[in-house]
C-alpha cells in the first residue's frame, strides 16, 4: 500500500507565502517523479510543478518565478514553496507520485487527498 499525504495548506493574504509538503510512503521501490497539481471550484485540475528524480523541473507559466519545487529523496518528500501568492492561486492542491512498487512492476501514479490553499485579504 502506498500513501501520499500533503500538508501545509491554509489561509494567507495576497503577496504572502506558504510552503506545502508531500510525503510518499509504503511499498516504494523507486520514484520517477513527484509533482503538484491544483483544482479550483468549477475548474479543471491543472499542473503546477513537477520534479523527476534526476532533478528536472516543470512549471506552469502562471506560477513560474513565484513557486519553487524541491525534494528530499531520503524521505520521499517533495515541497512547494509558494511566494507572492495571488487570489487566483486559491485551490485545492494535490500531490502525486509516479513510482514503482517493485523491480518487476510498471509505474503507477498515486494521488494525495489534497490540501486547501486560500489567498484572500
Protein backbone atom coordinates (compact mmCIF):
# COMPACT_ATOMS: atom_id res chain seq x y z
CA UNK A 1 0.00 0.00 0.00
CA UNK A 2 1.31 3.42 -1.00
CA UNK A 3 0.21 6.57 0.75
CA UNK A 4 0.67 10.13 -0.43
CA UNK A 5 -0.06 12.84 2.13
CA UNK A 6 0.01 16.61 1.68
CA UNK A 7 0.27 19.22 4.39
CA UNK A 8 0.91 22.92 4.81
CA UNK A 9 -2.18 24.48 3.29
CA UNK A 10 -4.03 27.34 4.89
CA UNK A 11 -5.19 30.92 4.61
CA UNK A 12 -2.77 33.61 3.51
CA UNK A 13 -3.06 37.21 2.35
CA UNK A 14 -2.18 38.26 -1.20
CA UNK A 15 1.56 38.67 -1.52
CA UNK A 16 2.19 36.19 1.25
CA UNK A 17 3.97 32.87 1.23
CA UNK A 18 3.15 29.28 2.02
CA UNK A 19 5.14 26.05 1.93
CA UNK A 20 3.47 22.77 1.10
CA UNK A 21 4.90 19.34 1.86
CA UNK A 22 4.08 15.96 0.39
CA UNK A 23 5.38 12.63 1.62
CA UNK A 24 5.04 9.29 -0.13
CA UNK A 25 5.29 6.18 2.00
CA UNK A 26 4.63 2.45 1.89
CA UNK A 27 5.88 -0.09 -0.60
CA UNK A 28 8.07 2.03 -2.83
CA UNK A 29 10.86 0.63 -4.95
CA UNK A 30 11.70 3.77 -6.88
CA UNK A 31 10.11 7.11 -7.68
CA UNK A 32 10.16 8.51 -11.18
CA UNK A 33 8.70 11.88 -10.35
CA UNK A 34 6.56 13.79 -7.90
CA UNK A 35 4.50 16.84 -8.55
CA UNK A 36 1.86 19.32 -7.56
CA UNK A 37 -1.48 19.97 -9.20
CA UNK A 38 -4.35 22.20 -8.20
CA UNK A 39 -8.06 22.47 -8.78
CA UNK A 40 -10.23 25.49 -8.14
CA UNK A 41 -14.03 25.20 -7.84
CA UNK A 42 -15.62 24.84 -11.25
CA UNK A 43 -12.30 24.42 -13.00
CA UNK A 44 -10.25 21.52 -14.25
CA UNK A 45 -7.26 20.23 -12.39
CA UNK A 46 -4.05 21.76 -13.70
CA UNK A 47 -0.37 21.11 -13.37
CA UNK A 48 1.54 23.40 -11.03
CA UNK A 49 5.03 21.94 -10.87
CA UNK A 50 6.76 18.59 -11.21
CA UNK A 51 10.20 17.22 -10.50
CA UNK A 52 11.70 13.92 -11.55
CA UNK A 53 14.31 12.00 -9.60
CA UNK A 54 17.08 13.48 -11.71
CA UNK A 55 16.06 16.98 -10.67
CA UNK A 56 14.39 18.12 -13.88
CA UNK A 57 11.53 20.51 -13.15
CA UNK A 58 8.49 21.72 -15.00
CA UNK A 59 6.33 24.69 -14.01
CA UNK A 60 3.07 26.12 -15.19
CA UNK A 61 3.58 29.53 -16.76
CA UNK A 62 1.22 31.08 -14.23
CA UNK A 63 3.47 30.18 -11.29
CA UNK A 64 6.92 30.38 -12.86
CA UNK A 65 9.12 32.75 -10.90
CA UNK A 66 6.86 32.60 -7.85
CA UNK A 67 6.75 28.92 -6.92
CA UNK A 68 9.68 26.60 -6.35
CA UNK A 69 9.56 22.82 -6.17
CA UNK A 70 12.20 20.91 -4.25
CA UNK A 71 12.69 17.43 -2.83
CA UNK A 72 14.21 15.31 -0.12
CA UNK A 73 14.79 11.95 -1.75
CA UNK A 74 15.76 10.26 1.50
CA UNK A 75 12.28 10.96 2.85
CA UNK A 76 10.38 10.56 -0.43
CA UNK A 77 9.15 14.07 0.12
CA UNK A 78 8.54 16.96 -2.23
CA UNK A 79 7.94 20.58 -1.29
CA UNK A 80 6.32 23.54 -2.95
CA UNK A 81 7.44 26.96 -1.82
CA UNK A 82 4.82 29.49 -2.88
CA UNK A 83 5.71 33.17 -2.81
CA UNK A 84 3.89 36.28 -3.99
CA UNK A 85 0.60 34.45 -3.73
CA UNK A 86 -2.40 35.78 -5.62
CA UNK A 87 -6.13 35.20 -5.13
CA UNK A 88 -6.05 33.24 -8.38
CA UNK A 89 -3.84 30.69 -6.63
CA UNK A 90 -6.74 29.68 -4.39
CA UNK A 91 -7.41 25.99 -4.94
CA UNK A 92 -7.07 22.54 -3.51
CA UNK A 93 -3.51 21.46 -4.10
CA UNK A 94 -2.88 17.81 -4.82
CA UNK A 95 0.39 15.95 -4.74
CA UNK A 96 1.11 12.92 -6.85
CA UNK A 97 3.91 10.41 -7.16
CA UNK A 98 4.83 8.37 -10.21
CA UNK A 99 6.55 5.31 -8.81
CA UNK A 100 7.40 1.64 -8.92
CA UNK A 101 6.38 -0.65 -6.07
CA UNK A 102 8.86 -3.34 -7.11
CA UNK A 103 11.55 -4.02 -9.68
CA UNK A 104 9.04 -6.03 -11.74
CA UNK A 105 6.14 -3.61 -11.66
CA UNK A 106 5.11 -0.98 -14.12
CA UNK A 107 4.99 2.58 -12.85
CA UNK A 108 1.76 3.90 -11.44
CA UNK A 109 0.54 7.26 -10.23
CA UNK A 110 -0.67 7.78 -6.68
CA UNK A 111 -2.56 10.83 -5.51
CA UNK A 112 -2.91 12.53 -2.17
CA UNK A 113 -6.20 13.81 -0.78
CA UNK A 114 -5.30 17.45 -1.25
CA UNK A 115 -4.72 20.47 0.94
CA UNK A 116 -6.67 23.72 0.72
CA UNK A 117 -4.85 26.94 -0.09
CA UNK A 118 -6.86 30.13 0.20
CA UNK A 119 -5.41 33.51 -0.76
CA UNK A 120 -7.62 36.32 0.44
CA UNK A 121 -7.44 39.67 2.18
